[in-house]
Amino acid sequence: MARKVTIFTGQWADLPLATLAPMMKEFGYDGLELACWGDHFDAFQAAKSKAYCDDKRALLEANGLGCWSISNHLAGQLLCDNIDERHYGFAPKGIKTPEAARKWAIDATKAAAKAAKNMGVKVVNGFTGSPIWHLLYSFPPCKPGQIDAGYKAMAKTLKPILDIFADNGITFALEAHPTEIAFDIASAERAIDALGGHKAFAFNYDPSHFGYQGVDYVKFIYTFKDRIAHCHIKDAWWGKGNGDVGVFGGHTDFADPRRFWDFRSPGHGDINFERIIVALNDINYTGPLSVEWEDSRMDRCHGAKESAAFVRKIDFERSAIAFDAQFDK
């Protein structure tokens, strides 16, 4: 059976779930990856109330939709980041200190584990932030042990949270992504090591964050074959600017025509999804293919509908037989 085709609701949080669900069913999706913001999914309520989760399930099922994961990205970004005024928009109103924002994020992420269990899903996708992202370009040169200290600080924050995930039978799937503690293969390996290989830590695979960096996004699948817990389908293109802006973005906005790279609707960028599907089949990934729709150049309803059809077209099941087995007579 082909994998389920879902869509991440984070970019649609301005719409009530009751409005969004029938829309996405009409667009051709099997289910929703629910964001823990807007009115789509409240992790605190869901952690306390199985009835709340049952109501969310009933709404989805009434529209012929399922749910196989939830998203805790915004709260997750505050876990390990050096918090400044940009972050407070992710937290509830009234939180205006780094200490209060981080405490809320930790509580929200712990709640997400219990909420997922009540919702009957096994994966919470999200971010971790990073205490050392500002050290990416090592000038002034990093002091000895400075990067190690950042990974240790991340682990100190994340390990107790991951223990709660493990206790509830839930996997935390980090979306490896610039500004996170893991943003390529080398940093992802280092994060796993810092966490002592914690069994509840995995990845929400999204190739769009790797290609423009020059990271082998297919190799990522094979390298972490036992830790690919979820998959986003999102495209990107690169090498399209006018030479004014490089990989670091030049402090330009998305869709600025000078940019070297940008996110695109699936099928409109440079990601080779054929190779990705083959690799996912090779590692026996059977979870959903979840569209994370981000394209500043395209109407989102057009893009979401087109993306559902695109994902169904590119996906295929792994063969159950050897193609040449019939030659032996």
Protein backbone atom coordinates (compact mmCIF):
# COMPACT_ATOMS: atom_id res chain seq x y z
CA MET A 1 0.00 0.00 0.00
CA ALA A 2 1.34 3.44 -0.95
CA ARG A 3 2.23 5.83 1.85
CA LYS A 4 -0.33 8.25 3.22
CA VAL A 5 -0.22 11.76 1.78
CA THR A 6 -0.69 14.43 4.42
CA ILE A 7 -0.16 18.17 4.73
CA PHE A 8 1.39 20.12 7.60
CA THR A 9 -1.11 22.67 8.87
CA GLY A 10 1.41 25.19 10.22
CA GLN A 11 1.22 27.43 7.16
CA TRP A 12 -2.59 27.36 7.41
CA ALA A 13 -2.97 28.27 11.08
CA ASP A 14 -4.92 31.40 10.15
CA LEU A 15 -7.82 29.11 9.18
CA PRO A 16 -9.92 27.22 11.75
CA LEU A 17 -9.41 23.47 11.59
CA ALA A 18 -13.11 23.02 10.84
CA THR A 19 -12.59 25.09 7.69
CA LEU A 20 -9.25 23.59 6.74
CA ALA A 21 -10.16 19.89 7.06
CA PRO A 22 -12.78 19.70 4.29
CA MET A 23 -10.61 21.91 2.09
CA MET A 24 -7.65 19.53 2.36
CA LYS A 25 -9.82 16.50 1.77
CA GLU A 26 -11.07 18.14 -1.42
CA PHE A 27 -7.47 18.87 -2.41
CA GLY A 28 -6.71 15.15 -2.22
CA TYR A 29 -5.01 14.56 1.13
CA ASP A 30 -5.35 11.50 3.37
CA GLY A 31 -4.69 13.37 6.59
CA LEU A 32 -3.23 16.33 8.44
CA GLU A 33 -0.02 16.84 10.38
CA LEU A 34 -1.51 19.06 13.06
CA ALA A 35 0.36 22.17 14.20
CA CYS A 36 0.28 23.03 17.89
CA TRP A 37 -0.84 26.58 17.20
CA GLY A 38 -3.87 28.38 15.85
CA ASP A 39 -6.87 26.31 16.87
CA HIS A 40 -5.51 23.18 15.21
CA PHE A 41 -4.08 21.42 18.27
CA ASP A 42 -3.40 22.61 21.81
CA ALA A 43 -0.74 20.38 23.37
CA PHE A 44 -1.60 21.43 26.92
CA GLN A 45 -5.30 20.65 26.51
CA ALA A 46 -4.55 17.44 24.66
CA ALA A 47 -2.15 16.27 27.36
CA LYS A 48 -4.83 16.72 30.01
CA SER A 49 -7.89 15.54 28.09
CA LYS A 50 -8.38 12.44 26.00
CA ALA A 51 -11.83 13.84 25.18
CA TYR A 52 -10.20 16.86 23.53
CA CYS A 53 -8.18 14.51 21.31
CA ASP A 54 -11.26 12.40 20.56
CA ASP A 55 -13.03 15.55 19.37
CA LYS A 56 -10.12 16.41 17.06
CA ARG A 57 -10.14 12.87 15.70
CA ALA A 58 -13.89 13.02 15.16
CA LEU A 59 -13.57 16.27 13.21
CA LEU A 60 -10.89 14.76 10.99
CA GLU A 61 -12.72 11.48 10.49
CA ALA A 62 -15.92 13.30 9.58
CA ASN A 63 -13.93 14.72 6.67
CA GLY A 64 -12.31 11.43 5.73
CA LEU A 65 -8.94 12.39 7.17
CA GLY A 66 -6.44 10.78 9.55
CA CYS A 67 -3.57 12.05 11.68
CA TRP A 68 -0.20 10.35 12.13
CA SER A 69 1.89 13.12 13.71
CA ILE A 70 1.69 16.50 15.39
CA SER A 71 4.05 19.46 15.13
CA ASN A 72 5.66 21.33 18.03
CA HIS A 73 8.04 23.45 15.96
CA LEU A 74 7.40 26.89 17.42
CA ALA A 75 7.71 25.91 21.07
CA GLY A 76 10.69 23.74 20.21
CA GLN A 77 12.64 26.66 18.80
CA LEU A 78 12.72 28.20 22.26
CA LEU A 79 14.18 25.12 23.96
CA CYS A 80 17.86 25.81 23.28
CA ASP A 81 18.04 29.09 21.36
CA ASN A 82 19.62 32.26 22.68
CA ILE A 83 16.25 33.93 23.13
CA ASP A 84 15.68 37.52 21.97
CA GLU A 85 12.70 39.66 21.01
CA ARG A 86 12.04 37.58 17.87
CA HIS A 87 11.08 34.54 19.90
CA TYR A 88 8.31 36.00 22.02
CA GLY A 89 5.84 35.76 19.16
CA PHE A 90 6.02 31.98 19.49
CA ALA A 91 5.09 32.04 23.18
CA PRO A 92 1.80 33.07 24.83
CA LYS A 93 1.16 36.77 25.27
CA GLY A 94 2.67 38.15 28.44
CA ILE A 95 5.88 36.12 28.28
CA LYS A 96 8.66 38.65 27.84
CA THR A 97 11.79 37.20 29.44
CA PRO A 98 14.10 34.48 28.12
CA GLU A 99 13.68 32.45 31.30
CA ALA A 100 9.88 32.48 31.09
CA ALA A 101 9.91 31.70 27.37
CA ARG A 102 12.23 28.72 27.83
CA LYS A 103 10.21 27.37 30.75
CA TRP A 104 7.03 27.58 28.68
CA ALA A 105 8.76 25.83 25.76
CA ILE A 106 9.99 22.99 27.96
CA ASP A 107 6.54 22.55 29.48
CA ALA A 108 4.90 22.68 26.04
CA THR A 109 7.25 20.07 24.59
CA LYS A 110 6.74 17.73 27.53
CA ALA A 111 3.00 18.21 27.11
CA ALA A 112 3.31 17.37 23.41
CA ALA A 113 4.56 13.88 24.28
CA LYS A 114 1.52 13.18 26.45
CA ALA A 115 -0.75 14.87 23.91
CA ALA A 116 0.53 12.62 21.13
CA LYS A 117 -0.21 9.56 23.22
CA ASN A 118 -3.76 10.77 23.87
CA MET A 119 -4.17 11.55 20.18
CA GLY A 120 -3.00 8.08 19.20
CA VAL A 121 0.02 9.20 17.17
CA LYS A 122 3.61 8.08 17.62
CA VAL A 123 5.59 11.09 16.37
CA VAL A 124 5.98 14.70 17.45
CA ASN A 125 7.88 16.75 14.88
CA GLY A 126 9.70 19.85 15.98
CA PHE A 127 12.73 22.02 16.47
CA THR A 128 15.26 22.36 19.28
CA GLY A 129 16.87 25.69 18.53
CA SER A 130 20.59 25.96 19.14
CA PRO A 131 22.78 27.77 21.68
CA ILE A 132 25.66 27.82 19.16
CA TRP A 133 24.06 28.75 15.84
CA HIS A 134 25.65 32.21 16.12
CA LEU A 135 29.03 30.45 16.04
CA LEU A 136 28.37 28.90 12.60
CA TYR A 137 31.03 30.96 10.87
CA SER A 138 33.99 30.59 13.16
CA PHE A 139 35.30 34.11 13.23
CA PRO A 140 36.23 35.28 15.72
CA PRO A 141 37.58 31.76 16.09
CA CYS A 142 35.68 29.54 18.48
CA LYS A 143 37.46 28.86 21.73
CA PRO A 144 38.51 25.26 22.47
CA GLY A 145 35.52 23.33 23.74
CA GLN A 146 33.00 26.05 22.86
CA ILE A 147 31.06 23.94 20.34
CA ASP A 148 31.17 20.88 22.62
CA ALA A 149 29.76 23.02 25.41
CA GLY A 150 26.85 23.99 23.16
CA TYR A 151 25.99 20.35 22.44
CA LYS A 152 26.24 19.55 26.13
CA ALA A 153 23.89 22.43 26.96
CA MET A 154 21.41 21.13 24.37
CA ALA A 155 21.59 17.63 25.82
CA LYS A 156 21.08 18.92 29.37
CA THR A 157 17.84 20.56 28.26
CA LEU A 158 16.61 17.87 25.90
CA LYS A 159 17.40 14.61 27.69
CA PRO A 160 14.79 15.00 30.46
CA ILE A 161 12.23 15.88 27.79
CA LEU A 162 13.17 12.84 25.70
CA ASP A 163 12.79 10.65 28.78
CA ILE A 164 9.15 11.74 28.96
CA PHE A 165 8.74 10.95 25.27
CA ALA A 166 10.19 7.49 25.84
CA ASP A 167 7.95 6.89 28.86
CA ASN A 168 4.93 7.66 26.67
CA GLY A 169 6.09 5.59 23.70
CA ILE A 170 6.49 8.69 21.50
CA THR A 171 9.33 9.72 19.20
CA PHE A 172 10.59 13.29 19.02
CA ALA A 173 11.54 13.96 15.39
CA LEU A 174 13.84 16.93 14.95
CA GLU A 175 13.57 18.66 11.60
CA ALA A 176 17.25 19.11 10.81
CA HIS A 177 17.31 22.71 9.65
CA PRO A 178 19.54 25.80 9.79
CA THR A 179 19.26 27.42 13.25
CA GLU A 180 18.77 23.99 14.88
CA ILE A 181 21.36 21.95 16.76
CA ALA A 182 21.42 19.64 13.71
CA PHE A 183 21.36 21.14 10.22
CA ASP A 184 23.46 18.72 8.13
CA ILE A 185 24.85 15.19 8.44
CA ALA A 186 27.87 16.07 10.58
CA SER A 187 25.89 18.16 13.08
CA ALA A 188 23.13 15.53 13.21
CA GLU A 189 25.68 12.85 14.12
CA ARG A 190 27.07 15.12 16.81
CA ALA A 191 23.60 15.72 18.25
CA ILE A 192 22.94 11.99 18.51
CA ASP A 193 26.27 11.49 20.24
CA ALA A 194 25.60 14.33 22.68
CA LEU A 195 22.26 12.74 23.55
CA GLY A 196 23.89 9.36 24.12
CA GLY A 197 21.88 7.88 21.26
CA HIS A 198 18.62 8.44 23.12
CA LYS A 199 16.01 6.05 21.74
CA ALA A 200 13.27 8.73 21.61
CA PHE A 201 15.32 11.06 19.36
CA ALA A 202 14.88 10.86 15.60
CA PHE A 203 14.48 13.08 12.55
CA ASN A 204 11.69 14.62 10.56
CA TYR A 205 13.38 14.39 7.16
CA ASP A 206 13.02 17.46 4.95
CA PRO A 207 15.30 17.62 1.89
CA SER A 208 14.61 21.29 1.19
CA HIS A 209 16.93 22.32 4.01
CA PHE A 210 19.90 20.37 2.67
CA GLY A 211 20.10 20.80 -1.10
CA TYR A 212 20.99 24.49 -1.26
CA GLN A 213 23.62 23.97 1.47
CA GLY A 214 25.38 21.37 -0.68
CA VAL A 215 24.47 18.57 1.75
CA ASP A 216 23.72 15.17 0.19
CA TYR A 217 20.04 14.87 1.10
CA VAL A 218 19.79 11.27 -0.08
CA LYS A 219 22.84 10.25 1.96
CA PHE A 220 21.08 11.70 5.02
CA ILE A 221 18.37 9.05 4.65
CA TYR A 222 20.83 6.17 4.51
CA THR A 223 23.04 7.59 7.28
CA PHE A 224 20.12 7.85 9.70
CA LYS A 225 18.00 5.01 8.35
CA ASP A 226 17.02 3.90 11.86
CA ARG A 227 16.05 7.44 12.91
CA ILE A 228 13.85 8.68 10.05
CA ALA A 229 10.54 8.91 11.89
CA HIS A 230 8.67 11.24 9.54
CA CYS A 231 9.10 12.83 6.12
CA HIS A 232 8.28 16.28 4.81
CA ILE A 233 7.88 16.82 1.09
CA LYS A 234 9.14 20.31 0.34
CA ASP A 235 11.16 21.60 -2.57
CA ALA A 236 13.83 24.24 -3.00
CA TRP A 237 15.81 25.66 -5.86
CA TRP A 238 19.27 27.16 -5.80
CA GLY A 239 21.68 28.93 -8.12
CA LYS A 240 18.81 31.07 -9.43
CA GLY A 241 19.81 34.53 -8.22
CA ASN A 242 21.69 37.30 -9.99
CA GLY A 243 24.94 36.83 -8.10
CA ASP A 244 24.21 39.43 -5.44
CA VAL A 245 23.24 36.94 -2.72
CA GLY A 246 24.84 33.69 -1.56
CA VAL A 247 23.84 30.73 0.58
CA PHE A 248 23.66 32.91 3.71
CA GLY A 249 20.76 34.89 2.22
CA GLY A 250 22.14 38.44 2.20
CA HIS A 251 19.47 39.61 4.70
CA THR A 252 16.92 39.41 1.85
CA ASP A 253 13.32 38.23 2.15
CA PHE A 254 12.04 35.01 0.64
CA ALA A 255 11.06 35.46 -3.05
CA ASP A 256 13.55 38.28 -3.56
CA PRO A 257 14.77 37.56 -7.13
CA ARG A 258 18.37 38.20 -6.08
CA ARG A 259 18.39 35.20 -3.73
CA PHE A 260 20.67 32.24 -4.48
CA TRP A 261 18.07 29.82 -3.06
CA ASP A 262 14.42 29.73 -2.11
CA PHE A 263 11.73 27.26 -1.08
CA ARG A 264 9.42 26.07 -3.85
CA SER A 265 6.24 24.06 -4.15
CA PRO A 266 6.99 20.34 -4.65
CA GLY A 267 8.02 19.64 -8.23
CA HIS A 268 9.04 23.23 -8.98
CA GLY A 269 12.54 23.12 -7.51
CA ASP A 270 15.78 21.17 -7.79
CA ILE A 271 15.15 18.35 -5.30
CA ASN A 272 15.31 14.90 -6.94
CA PHE A 273 12.30 13.20 -5.36
CA GLU A 274 12.78 10.02 -7.41
CA ARG A 275 16.01 9.33 -5.52
CA ILE A 276 14.35 10.16 -2.22
CA ILE A 277 11.49 7.70 -2.76
CA VAL A 278 13.97 4.96 -3.71
CA ALA A 279 15.99 5.67 -0.55
CA LEU A 280 12.87 5.71 1.65
CA ASN A 281 11.89 2.35 0.16
CA ASP A 282 15.39 1.01 0.77
CA ILE A 283 15.15 1.84 4.49
CA ASN A 284 11.55 0.57 4.68
CA TYR A 285 10.05 3.91 5.65
CA THR A 286 6.28 3.41 5.68
CA GLY A 287 5.15 6.62 7.39
CA PRO A 288 3.33 9.49 5.73
CA LEU A 289 4.70 11.83 3.09
CA SER A 290 3.69 15.18 4.53
CA VAL A 291 3.66 18.25 2.31
CA GLU A 292 5.07 21.30 4.03
CA TRP A 293 3.90 23.93 1.60
CA GLU A 294 6.10 27.04 1.41
CA ASP A 295 6.33 28.98 -1.83
CA SER A 296 6.11 32.77 -1.85
CA ARG A 297 5.68 32.76 -5.63
CA MET A 298 2.49 30.69 -5.76
CA ASP A 299 -1.07 30.84 -4.44
CA ARG A 300 -1.19 28.42 -1.55
CA CYS A 301 -4.49 26.75 -2.49
CA HIS A 302 -3.24 26.09 -6.01
CA GLY A 303 0.03 24.83 -4.57
CA ALA A 304 -1.52 22.56 -1.97
CA LYS A 305 -3.89 20.93 -4.45
CA GLU A 306 -1.13 20.47 -7.02
CA SER A 307 1.21 19.08 -4.34
CA ALA A 308 -1.20 16.32 -3.29
CA ALA A 309 -1.33 15.08 -6.88
CA PHE A 310 2.45 15.45 -7.24
CA VAL A 311 3.19 13.30 -4.18
CA ARG A 312 0.86 10.55 -5.36
CA LYS A 313 2.59 10.59 -8.72
CA ILE A 314 6.13 10.29 -7.36
CA ASP A 315 5.46 7.68 -4.66
CA PHE A 316 5.64 3.97 -5.36
CA GLU A 317 5.81 0.80 -3.34
CA ARG A 318 8.93 -1.26 -2.88
CA SER A 319 8.96 -4.44 -4.95
CA ALA A 320 8.10 -7.61 -3.06
CA ILE A 321 9.92 -9.80 -5.60
CA ALA A 322 13.19 -9.87 -7.48
CA PHE A 323 12.49 -8.67 -11.02
CA ASP A 324 14.48 -11.55 -12.52
CA ALA A 325 13.07 -14.31 -10.31
CA GLN A 326 10.85 -15.49 -13.14
CA PHE A 327 13.86 -16.33 -15.29
CA ASP A 328 14.67 -19.41 -13.19
CA LYS A 329 12.49 -22.14 -14.70
